Amino acid sequence: MEEALLPVKEERWRERMRSWKTEMKEEGRKLGYLAGPMVAVSLSQYLIQVVSNMIVGHLGKLALSSAAVATSLTTVTGFSLLLGMASGLETLCGQAFGAQQYHKLGTHTYRAIFTLLIVCLPISFIWASMAKILSFIGQDPLISYEAGRYAVWMIPSLFAYAVGQPLIKFLQVQSLIFPMLFTSIATLCIHIPLCYVMVYFSGLGNVGAALSISISYWLNVVMLGLYIRYSASCEMTRSSITREAFRGINEFLRMALPSAVMICLEWWSFELLILLSGLLPNPELETSVLSICLTSISLLFTIPYGFGAAVSTRVSNELGAGNPERARSAVHVVMFIAVAEAVFVSATLLASHRILGYAYSNDDEVVSYVSKLVPLVCISVITDGLQGVLSGIARGCGWQHVGAFVNLGSFYLIGIPTAVTLGFFLHMGGSGLWIGIVCGSVCQSTLLSLITSFTNWQQMANKARERVFNEKPSVENDLT
C-alpha cells in the first residue's frame, strides 16, 4: 500500500515544484519590469550630483572638498528628509492602488507636495547660513566659505525636489516606470553640458554646478507634471485639489515621519563621516577621499534602491489587494536577486580599485588613498545592497517605524561610536571611520533580515486593508 502511494506523493511534489517555479518566474518577470527601469531612473537622478562633483573636482582640492561638504550637508538637512517623507507614499498610494481606491492616489500626493514645500522653508534658511554653521563646528574657514556659497545656490533645487519626489512616487506605485525613465535620462543629458558650461564658461566656478542642479531638477518636475496632467495612463488616479487633501495631512505625517526617520538615520550616519573627516589631520585630503568613497557607494546603491522600489510597489500593491502570498513571493525573489547583485558589484569594484580615484581627481595622493579604502567600500556595497531591498520591503508593508529603531541602534549605538574610537582615539584616520560605519551596516542588514523573515504576511494584508478603507493606520503589532 505504501509503495502504491509513493508515485502519487512524488507526482504531487513535482506538481508543487512546477507550480512554485512558475510562480517565481512570473514574479521575477514582474519585478524585472519594474526594477530595471527604476535602477536607470535612480541612477540618472543621482548622476546629476555625481557629474557635478566630477566636473567641480577638476578645479582643485578646495573646490572638490567644499562641494563635497556642501553636498553632504544639503543631503543631510534637506534631500534625505524630503526623500524619506515622500517615501511614505509608497505605503499609502501603493496599498490604495492595490485596493483599487484610485482617487486616493491624487489626494495623498497633493498632501505630500504641500507638506514638503512647507518643510522646505526652514531648511532653506539653514542652507543660507551654511558657511557660519561650518565655521562654528570647527571646519576649515576656506572650505566653510566655499561650501556656504555652494549651498545657497542649491536652494532652488530643494523646492524642486519637494515637488518632484511625490510625483515620482505617484507614478512608481502605478508601475508607470517608463515616463520617469525617459524624463530622468533627458534631464541628465541636458545637465551634463549645462553644468560644464556653468562651471567653466559662466565665471561662476564651483557654484555654477549648484545652479545647474537647480535648473535640471526643475526641468524634470515640469516634464513629470506635464505627463501626469495629459497622459491617459493617469486618468483614473489624477484628481483636482480639494479640501480633503489638506484635512488629511496628519494621516500623511503618520506614515511619512517614520519613513523619513528610517532613511535619514542611515543617510546621516554616512554623511557624518564627511564632517568627521574634516576634523582629522590634513582635512582636505581626508574629506576629498571619503567623499569619493561615499559618492561611489551612493552611485552603486542606485541598483539595490531600484530593486527596493520595485519590491515596495509589488508588496504594497499585493497587500492592498489582499494577496499576502504573492507579496511573500515577491520578497523571496527580490532577496535572491539582491544577494547576487551585491556579490557581483563588490567583486567588480574590488577589481577596479587602482583606477577608481582617477574618475574624481588627478591628484596621485588622493587616488592612492582611495585605492586603500576600496576593500572596505566593497563590504559596504554588500550590506547596503541587502538593506536597500529590505528597506523597500518595509515601505511596502508599512513597518517603517521598526526600521527606524533598527537604524538608530545599528548606526548610533554601534557604527558611529566605533568609527570615532577607531578614527580618532586609535589614530586610524579615514580607514577607522569607514570600518566603524561598516560595523553599523552589518548589524542593520542582519536585523532587517531577521524581521523580514518573521513577518506575518496575512497580518500585513489585514493592516493594509484597514489602512486603505478605514483611514486608521496603526503602527502597533505590525509584526509577530
Protein backbone atom coordinates (compact mmCIF):
# COMPACT_ATOMS: atom_id res chain seq x y z
CA MET A 1 0.00 0.00 0.00
CA GLU A 2 2.79 2.41 0.95
CA GLU A 3 4.62 1.54 -2.27
CA ALA A 4 1.47 2.38 -4.26
CA LEU A 5 1.24 5.78 -2.59
CA LEU A 6 4.87 6.71 -3.36
CA PRO A 7 4.28 7.58 -7.05
CA VAL A 8 1.27 9.66 -6.05
CA LYS A 9 3.24 11.59 -3.43
CA GLU A 10 6.13 12.05 -5.84
CA GLU A 11 3.81 13.37 -8.53
CA ARG A 12 2.21 15.80 -6.08
CA TRP A 13 5.66 17.00 -5.03
CA ARG A 14 6.66 17.52 -8.67
CA GLU A 15 3.42 19.37 -9.32
CA ARG A 16 4.05 21.69 -6.37
CA MET A 17 7.60 22.31 -7.59
CA ARG A 18 6.35 23.13 -11.10
CA SER A 19 3.77 25.49 -9.64
CA TRP A 20 6.41 27.13 -7.42
CA LYS A 21 8.84 27.58 -10.31
CA THR A 22 6.10 29.07 -12.49
CA GLU A 23 5.12 31.47 -9.71
CA MET A 24 8.73 32.51 -9.12
CA LYS A 25 9.33 33.09 -12.84
CA GLU A 26 6.20 35.20 -13.11
CA GLU A 27 7.15 37.22 -10.05
CA GLY A 28 10.68 37.61 -11.38
CA ARG A 29 9.27 38.95 -14.64
CA LYS A 30 7.11 41.49 -12.82
CA LEU A 31 9.99 42.61 -10.61
CA GLY A 32 12.32 42.85 -13.59
CA TYR A 33 9.83 45.01 -15.46
CA LEU A 34 9.79 47.43 -12.53
CA ALA A 35 13.35 47.14 -11.24
CA GLY A 36 15.28 47.56 -14.50
CA PRO A 37 13.83 50.98 -15.38
CA MET A 38 13.81 52.06 -11.70
CA VAL A 39 17.54 51.35 -11.46
CA ALA A 40 18.06 53.55 -14.52
CA VAL A 41 15.79 56.24 -13.04
CA SER A 42 17.58 56.36 -9.68
CA LEU A 43 20.96 56.18 -11.41
CA SER A 44 20.11 59.05 -13.77
CA GLN A 45 18.86 61.20 -10.91
CA TYR A 46 21.88 60.55 -8.74
CA LEU A 47 24.30 61.09 -11.63
CA ILE A 48 23.21 64.71 -11.73
CA GLN A 49 25.06 65.35 -8.47
CA VAL A 50 27.88 62.90 -9.25
CA VAL A 51 28.63 64.55 -12.59
CA SER A 52 28.55 67.94 -10.92
CA ASN A 53 31.12 66.82 -8.32
CA MET A 54 33.31 65.28 -11.01
CA ILE A 55 33.33 68.50 -13.03
CA VAL A 56 33.99 70.63 -9.95
CA GLY A 57 36.68 68.20 -8.73
CA HIS A 58 38.99 69.09 -11.58
CA LEU A 59 39.08 72.70 -10.39
CA GLY A 60 41.27 71.60 -7.45
CA LYS A 61 41.21 70.17 -3.92
CA LEU A 62 39.49 73.19 -2.39
CA ALA A 63 36.69 73.18 -4.96
CA LEU A 64 36.18 69.42 -4.57
CA SER A 65 36.26 69.39 -0.76
CA SER A 66 33.94 72.42 -0.41
CA ALA A 67 31.46 70.99 -2.93
CA ALA A 68 31.65 67.63 -1.11
CA VAL A 69 30.93 69.22 2.27
CA ALA A 70 28.08 71.31 0.82
CA THR A 71 26.60 68.28 -0.91
CA SER A 72 26.90 66.33 2.32
CA LEU A 73 25.13 68.94 4.43
CA THR A 74 22.41 69.72 1.88
CA THR A 75 21.75 66.00 1.68
CA VAL A 76 21.64 65.61 5.46
CA THR A 77 19.44 68.62 6.16
CA GLY A 78 17.27 68.63 3.06
CA PHE A 79 17.22 65.98 0.35
CA SER A 80 17.32 62.96 2.66
CA LEU A 81 14.46 64.35 4.76
CA LEU A 82 12.28 65.11 1.73
CA LEU A 83 13.00 61.74 0.13
CA GLY A 84 12.18 59.97 3.39
CA MET A 85 8.90 61.80 3.85
CA ALA A 86 7.89 61.24 0.23
CA SER A 87 8.59 57.51 0.70
CA GLY A 88 5.52 57.36 2.93
CA LEU A 89 3.55 57.49 -0.33
CA GLU A 90 4.94 54.07 -1.25
CA THR A 91 2.81 52.65 1.57
CA LEU A 92 -0.24 54.92 1.28
CA CYS A 93 -0.52 55.17 -2.51
CA GLY A 94 0.82 51.67 -3.19
CA GLN A 95 -1.72 49.94 -0.97
CA ALA A 96 -4.54 52.21 -2.16
CA PHE A 97 -3.72 51.35 -5.77
CA GLY A 98 -3.72 47.63 -4.96
CA ALA A 99 -7.12 48.03 -3.31
CA GLN A 100 -8.39 49.89 -6.43
CA GLN A 101 -9.04 53.08 -4.44
CA TYR A 102 -7.59 55.11 -7.31
CA HIS A 103 -8.95 58.50 -6.25
CA LYS A 104 -6.84 58.39 -3.09
CA LEU A 105 -3.57 58.48 -5.01
CA GLY A 106 -4.04 62.05 -6.16
CA THR A 107 -5.21 63.15 -2.73
CA HIS A 108 -2.23 61.59 -0.97
CA THR A 109 0.16 63.14 -3.50
CA TYR A 110 -1.23 66.66 -3.04
CA ARG A 111 -0.86 66.26 0.73
CA ALA A 112 2.74 65.22 0.31
CA ILE A 113 3.66 68.10 -2.01
CA PHE A 114 2.03 70.71 0.23
CA THR A 115 3.68 69.29 3.36
CA LEU A 116 7.12 69.01 1.77
CA LEU A 117 7.01 72.59 0.46
CA ILE A 118 6.27 73.82 3.99
CA VAL A 119 9.21 71.78 5.30
CA CYS A 120 11.46 73.44 2.70
CA LEU A 121 11.06 76.90 4.25
CA PRO A 122 13.10 76.34 7.45
CA ILE A 123 15.58 74.15 5.55
CA SER A 124 16.31 76.97 3.10
CA PHE A 125 17.27 79.26 6.00
CA ILE A 126 19.67 76.59 7.26
CA TRP A 127 21.29 76.37 3.83
CA ALA A 128 21.62 80.15 3.64
CA SER A 129 23.58 80.03 6.92
CA MET A 130 25.75 77.07 5.92
CA ALA A 131 29.07 78.97 5.98
CA LYS A 132 28.52 80.20 9.54
CA ILE A 133 27.41 76.75 10.71
CA LEU A 134 30.52 75.07 9.29
CA SER A 135 32.83 77.66 10.84
CA PHE A 136 31.06 77.25 14.19
CA ILE A 137 31.64 73.47 14.26
CA GLY A 138 35.34 73.89 13.50
CA GLN A 139 35.60 73.27 9.76
CA ASP A 140 38.38 74.88 7.72
CA PRO A 141 37.50 78.58 7.03
CA LEU A 142 38.14 78.39 3.27
CA ILE A 143 36.12 75.19 2.90
CA SER A 144 33.31 76.70 5.02
CA TYR A 145 33.09 79.82 2.87
CA GLU A 146 33.05 77.99 -0.46
CA ALA A 147 30.62 75.34 0.81
CA GLY A 148 28.30 78.09 2.06
CA ARG A 149 28.20 79.73 -1.37
CA TYR A 150 27.50 76.36 -2.99
CA ALA A 151 24.60 75.64 -0.61
CA VAL A 152 22.92 78.99 -1.28
CA TRP A 153 22.80 78.29 -4.99
CA MET A 154 21.26 74.88 -4.24
CA ILE A 155 18.17 76.33 -2.55
CA PRO A 156 16.00 76.36 -5.71
CA SER A 157 16.72 72.65 -6.17
CA LEU A 158 15.27 71.98 -2.70
CA PHE A 159 11.79 73.16 -3.70
CA ALA A 160 12.01 71.29 -7.00
CA TYR A 161 12.85 68.11 -5.05
CA ALA A 162 9.84 68.67 -2.78
CA VAL A 163 7.53 68.61 -5.79
CA GLY A 164 9.38 66.02 -7.85
CA GLN A 165 9.65 63.20 -5.31
CA PRO A 166 5.88 62.89 -4.64
CA LEU A 167 5.29 62.88 -8.42
CA ILE A 168 7.83 60.08 -8.79
CA LYS A 169 6.16 58.02 -6.05
CA PHE A 170 2.75 58.68 -7.64
CA LEU A 171 3.94 57.11 -10.89
CA GLN A 172 6.03 54.39 -9.25
CA VAL A 173 3.19 52.77 -7.31
CA GLN A 174 1.18 52.52 -10.54
CA SER A 175 4.12 50.82 -12.29
CA LEU A 176 4.31 53.75 -14.71
CA ILE A 177 8.09 53.47 -14.82
CA PHE A 178 8.97 54.38 -18.40
CA PRO A 179 7.79 58.01 -18.25
CA MET A 180 10.12 58.51 -15.27
CA LEU A 181 12.90 56.75 -17.17
CA PHE A 182 12.59 58.99 -20.22
CA THR A 183 12.36 62.23 -18.25
CA SER A 184 15.29 61.29 -15.98
CA ILE A 185 17.57 60.39 -18.88
CA ALA A 186 16.55 63.53 -20.78
CA THR A 187 17.29 65.65 -17.72
CA LEU A 188 20.72 64.06 -17.27
CA CYS A 189 21.61 64.54 -20.93
CA ILE A 190 20.77 68.23 -20.62
CA HIS A 191 22.51 68.61 -17.26
CA ILE A 192 25.96 67.39 -18.33
CA PRO A 193 26.70 70.12 -20.92
CA LEU A 194 24.79 72.68 -18.85
CA CYS A 195 26.95 72.00 -15.78
CA TYR A 196 30.17 72.14 -17.79
CA VAL A 197 29.24 75.50 -19.28
CA MET A 198 28.16 76.87 -15.91
CA VAL A 199 31.39 75.84 -14.19
CA TYR A 200 33.99 76.70 -16.83
CA PHE A 201 32.48 79.38 -19.07
CA SER A 202 29.98 81.38 -16.98
CA GLY A 203 32.52 82.70 -14.49
CA LEU A 204 30.58 81.11 -11.59
CA GLY A 205 33.14 78.39 -10.91
CA ASN A 206 32.02 75.68 -8.49
CA VAL A 207 28.70 77.39 -7.67
CA GLY A 208 27.81 77.04 -11.35
CA ALA A 209 27.39 73.33 -10.66
CA ALA A 210 24.88 74.10 -7.89
CA LEU A 211 22.87 76.36 -10.19
CA SER A 212 22.85 73.76 -12.95
CA ILE A 213 21.50 71.17 -10.47
CA SER A 214 18.64 73.50 -9.57
CA ILE A 215 17.77 74.09 -13.22
CA SER A 216 17.87 70.37 -14.01
CA TYR A 217 15.67 69.40 -11.06
CA TRP A 218 13.01 71.91 -12.05
CA LEU A 219 13.17 70.74 -15.65
CA ASN A 220 12.45 67.18 -14.53
CA VAL A 221 9.50 68.38 -12.41
CA VAL A 222 7.98 70.19 -15.39
CA MET A 223 8.25 67.11 -17.61
CA LEU A 224 6.73 64.80 -14.99
CA GLY A 225 3.91 67.25 -14.29
CA LEU A 226 3.02 67.54 -17.99
CA TYR A 227 2.91 63.76 -18.34
CA ILE A 228 0.65 63.29 -15.32
CA ARG A 229 -1.62 66.13 -16.44
CA TYR A 230 -2.16 64.96 -20.02
CA SER A 231 -1.48 61.21 -20.09
CA ALA A 232 -4.40 58.81 -20.39
CA SER A 233 -2.49 56.39 -18.13
CA CYS A 234 -3.13 58.67 -15.14
CA GLU A 235 -6.77 59.35 -15.96
CA MET A 236 -8.18 57.30 -13.09
CA THR A 237 -5.63 58.36 -10.46
CA ARG A 238 -5.13 62.09 -11.00
CA SER A 239 -7.57 64.36 -9.26
CA SER A 240 -8.22 68.00 -8.54
CA ILE A 241 -7.02 69.74 -5.40
CA THR A 242 -9.76 69.55 -2.76
CA ARG A 243 -10.10 70.37 0.92
CA GLU A 244 -9.76 66.68 1.70
CA ALA A 245 -6.06 66.82 0.75
CA PHE A 246 -5.37 69.45 3.39
CA ARG A 247 -7.57 67.88 6.07
CA GLY A 248 -5.64 64.61 5.91
CA ILE A 249 -2.13 65.95 6.45
CA ASN A 250 -1.89 64.23 9.84
CA GLU A 251 -2.60 60.92 8.12
CA PHE A 252 0.27 61.51 5.72
CA LEU A 253 2.62 62.53 8.53
CA ARG A 254 1.87 59.34 10.48
CA MET A 255 3.46 57.39 7.65
CA ALA A 256 5.89 59.99 6.30
CA LEU A 257 7.74 60.77 9.54
CA PRO A 258 8.72 57.15 10.33
CA SER A 259 9.77 56.77 6.68
CA ALA A 260 11.90 59.89 6.96
CA VAL A 261 13.47 58.78 10.23
CA MET A 262 14.29 55.33 8.82
CA ILE A 263 16.01 56.74 5.75
CA CYS A 264 17.62 59.76 7.40
CA LEU A 265 19.20 57.91 10.32
CA GLU A 266 21.21 55.77 7.93
CA TRP A 267 21.92 58.52 5.42
CA TRP A 268 23.04 60.91 8.14
CA SER A 269 25.46 58.38 9.58
CA PHE A 270 27.36 58.17 6.30
CA GLU A 271 27.29 61.91 5.76
CA LEU A 272 28.57 62.40 9.31
CA LEU A 273 31.76 60.69 8.20
CA ILE A 274 32.46 63.59 5.82
CA LEU A 275 32.13 66.11 8.64
CA LEU A 276 34.26 64.00 10.99
CA SER A 277 36.92 63.68 8.31
CA GLY A 278 37.20 67.47 8.30
CA LEU A 279 38.45 67.27 11.90
CA LEU A 280 41.28 64.86 11.05
CA PRO A 281 44.83 65.98 10.20
CA ASN A 282 45.06 67.04 6.53
CA PRO A 283 41.29 67.70 6.26
CA GLU A 284 41.31 68.47 2.52
CA LEU A 285 42.74 65.03 1.69
CA GLU A 286 40.54 63.12 4.17
CA THR A 287 37.38 64.94 3.14
CA SER A 288 38.07 64.51 -0.58
CA VAL A 289 38.83 60.79 -0.29
CA LEU A 290 35.88 59.89 1.94
CA SER A 291 33.56 61.95 -0.25
CA ILE A 292 34.78 59.98 -3.27
CA CYS A 293 34.11 56.69 -1.47
CA LEU A 294 30.69 57.88 -0.30
CA THR A 295 29.80 59.13 -3.78
CA SER A 296 30.84 55.79 -5.25
CA ILE A 297 28.74 53.63 -2.92
CA SER A 298 25.82 56.04 -3.27
CA LEU A 299 26.11 55.68 -7.04
CA LEU A 300 26.18 51.88 -6.76
CA PHE A 301 23.31 51.99 -4.24
CA THR A 302 21.01 53.13 -7.05
CA ILE A 303 20.88 49.48 -8.19
CA PRO A 304 19.51 47.94 -4.96
CA TYR A 305 17.43 51.08 -4.44
CA GLY A 306 15.77 50.36 -7.80
CA PHE A 307 15.04 46.80 -6.71
CA GLY A 308 13.83 48.13 -3.36
CA ALA A 309 11.43 50.49 -5.14
CA ALA A 310 10.21 47.61 -7.30
CA VAL A 311 9.55 45.25 -4.39
CA SER A 312 7.95 48.09 -2.43
CA THR A 313 5.49 48.55 -5.28
CA ARG A 314 4.83 44.82 -5.64
CA VAL A 315 4.41 44.24 -1.89
CA SER A 316 2.21 47.29 -1.28
CA ASN A 317 0.00 46.53 -4.31
CA GLU A 318 -0.47 42.88 -3.35
CA LEU A 319 -1.12 43.62 0.33
CA GLY A 320 -3.64 46.30 -0.65
CA ALA A 321 -5.33 43.76 -2.92
CA GLY A 322 -5.41 41.20 -0.10
CA ASN A 323 -2.86 38.79 -1.63
CA PRO A 324 -0.27 38.07 1.13
CA GLU A 325 1.21 35.00 -0.57
CA ARG A 326 2.07 36.98 -3.69
CA ALA A 327 3.70 39.62 -1.52
CA ARG A 328 5.76 36.88 0.14
CA SER A 329 6.79 35.51 -3.27
CA ALA A 330 7.97 38.96 -4.35
CA VAL A 331 10.16 39.15 -1.25
CA HIS A 332 11.75 35.74 -1.88
CA VAL A 333 12.58 36.55 -5.49
CA VAL A 334 13.99 40.00 -4.84
CA MET A 335 16.21 38.81 -1.97
CA PHE A 336 17.80 36.20 -4.24
CA ILE A 337 18.47 38.90 -6.84
CA ALA A 338 19.83 41.29 -4.19
CA VAL A 339 22.42 38.80 -2.93
CA ALA A 340 23.63 38.00 -6.44
CA GLU A 341 23.84 41.69 -7.39
CA ALA A 342 25.74 42.68 -4.24
CA VAL A 343 28.39 40.00 -4.72
CA PHE A 344 28.88 40.81 -8.41
CA VAL A 345 29.13 44.58 -7.94
CA SER A 346 31.51 44.37 -4.99
CA ALA A 347 33.80 42.00 -6.90
CA THR A 348 33.83 44.35 -9.89
CA LEU A 349 34.62 47.33 -7.67
CA LEU A 350 37.48 45.47 -6.00
CA ALA A 351 38.98 44.61 -9.37
CA SER A 352 38.98 48.30 -10.37
CA HIS A 353 40.38 49.67 -7.08
CA ARG A 354 43.51 51.15 -8.69
CA ILE A 355 41.65 53.36 -11.16
CA LEU A 356 38.56 54.44 -9.19
CA GLY A 357 40.14 57.62 -7.81
CA TYR A 358 41.02 58.96 -11.27
CA ALA A 359 37.33 59.41 -12.04
CA TYR A 360 37.22 62.20 -9.45
CA SER A 361 40.73 63.61 -9.17
CA ASN A 362 44.13 63.81 -10.90
CA ASP A 363 45.96 64.05 -7.57
CA ASP A 364 48.13 60.93 -7.02
CA GLU A 365 47.81 61.16 -3.24
CA VAL A 366 44.02 61.15 -3.44
CA VAL A 367 43.98 58.26 -5.93
CA SER A 368 46.34 56.16 -3.77
CA TYR A 369 44.28 56.74 -0.62
CA VAL A 370 41.06 55.81 -2.41
CA SER A 371 42.67 52.57 -3.60
CA LYS A 372 43.46 51.57 0.01
CA LEU A 373 39.87 52.12 1.14
CA VAL A 374 38.19 50.19 -1.70
CA PRO A 375 38.17 46.77 0.11
CA LEU A 376 36.21 48.38 2.96
CA VAL A 377 33.91 50.06 0.45
CA CYS A 378 33.20 46.64 -1.10
CA ILE A 379 31.84 45.39 2.24
CA SER A 380 29.60 48.46 2.39
CA VAL A 381 28.35 47.69 -1.12
CA ILE A 382 27.20 44.22 0.01
CA THR A 383 25.49 45.37 3.20
CA ASP A 384 23.91 48.39 1.51
CA GLY A 385 22.67 46.20 -1.33
CA LEU A 386 20.80 43.98 1.11
CA GLN A 387 19.38 46.79 3.24
CA GLY A 388 18.25 48.76 0.18
CA VAL A 389 15.94 45.90 -0.76
CA LEU A 390 14.92 45.17 2.83
CA SER A 391 14.00 48.84 3.33
CA GLY A 392 11.82 48.64 0.23
CA ILE A 393 10.01 45.69 1.78
CA ALA A 394 9.50 47.72 4.94
CA ARG A 395 7.99 50.62 2.97
CA GLY A 396 5.69 48.27 1.08
CA CYS A 397 4.43 46.73 4.31
CA GLY A 398 4.23 49.94 6.34
CA TRP A 399 6.57 48.99 9.21
CA GLN A 400 9.00 51.87 8.69
CA HIS A 401 8.88 52.64 12.42
CA VAL A 402 10.58 49.29 13.11
CA GLY A 403 13.25 50.11 10.53
CA ALA A 404 13.81 53.45 12.24
CA PHE A 405 14.63 51.74 15.55
CA VAL A 406 16.92 49.28 13.77
CA ASN A 407 18.85 52.10 12.09
CA LEU A 408 19.06 54.07 15.33
CA GLY A 409 20.62 51.17 17.19
CA SER A 410 22.85 49.96 14.36
CA PHE A 411 24.45 53.26 13.43
CA TYR A 412 24.24 55.46 16.52
CA LEU A 413 24.85 52.86 19.22
CA ILE A 414 27.33 50.74 17.24
CA GLY A 415 28.52 52.33 13.98
CA ILE A 416 29.31 55.95 14.86
CA PRO A 417 30.87 55.24 18.30
CA THR A 418 33.09 52.59 16.71
CA ALA A 419 34.06 54.98 13.91
CA VAL A 420 35.01 57.75 16.35
CA THR A 421 37.01 55.35 18.50
CA LEU A 422 38.97 53.91 15.58
CA GLY A 423 39.38 57.14 13.65
CA PHE A 424 40.42 59.49 16.46
CA PHE A 425 41.42 57.58 19.59
CA LEU A 426 43.23 54.75 17.80
CA HIS A 427 44.53 57.17 15.12
CA MET A 428 43.36 55.09 12.14
CA GLY A 429 42.09 58.18 10.32
CA GLY A 430 39.64 57.79 7.45
CA SER A 431 40.06 54.00 7.42
CA GLY A 432 38.93 53.81 11.03
CA LEU A 433 35.90 55.98 10.33
CA TRP A 434 34.84 53.71 7.48
CA ILE A 435 35.38 50.49 9.47
CA GLY A 436 33.06 51.82 12.15
CA ILE A 437 30.27 52.54 9.71
CA VAL A 438 30.72 49.09 8.16
CA CYS A 439 30.06 47.57 11.60
CA GLY A 440 26.80 49.50 11.77
CA SER A 441 25.78 48.40 8.27
CA VAL A 442 26.38 44.72 9.05
CA CYS A 443 24.24 44.99 12.19
CA GLN A 444 21.48 46.80 10.30
CA SER A 445 21.29 44.26 7.45
CA THR A 446 21.23 41.34 9.91
CA LEU A 447 18.39 42.79 11.98
CA LEU A 448 16.27 43.78 8.96
CA SER A 449 16.73 40.29 7.51
CA LEU A 450 15.50 38.68 10.73
CA ILE A 451 12.49 41.00 10.95
CA THR A 452 11.52 40.25 7.34
CA SER A 453 11.89 36.51 7.94
CA PHE A 454 9.40 36.60 10.83
CA THR A 455 6.85 38.88 9.16
CA ASN A 456 3.25 37.62 9.29
CA TRP A 457 2.10 38.35 5.72
CA GLN A 458 -1.58 37.71 6.37
CA GLN A 459 -1.49 40.25 9.18
CA MET A 460 0.29 42.70 6.89
CA ALA A 461 -2.53 42.31 4.35
CA ASN A 462 -5.14 42.90 7.05
CA LYS A 463 -3.35 46.04 8.19
CA ALA A 464 -3.15 47.29 4.62
CA ARG A 465 -6.89 46.85 4.05
CA GLU A 466 -7.61 48.59 7.34
CA ARG A 467 -5.31 51.47 6.37
CA VAL A 468 -6.94 51.94 2.97
CA PHE A 469 -10.60 51.58 3.85
CA ASN A 470 -10.82 52.75 7.45
CA GLU A 471 -8.27 55.58 7.25
CA LYS A 472 -6.89 54.43 10.62
CA PRO A 473 -3.31 53.32 10.05
CA SER A 474 -1.80 51.56 13.02
CA VAL A 475 1.85 51.22 13.96
CA GLU A 476 1.33 48.66 16.68
CA ASN A 477 1.57 44.89 16.39
CA ASP A 478 2.65 45.00 12.75
CA LEU A 479 4.97 42.07 13.32
CA THR A 480 4.64 38.75 15.02
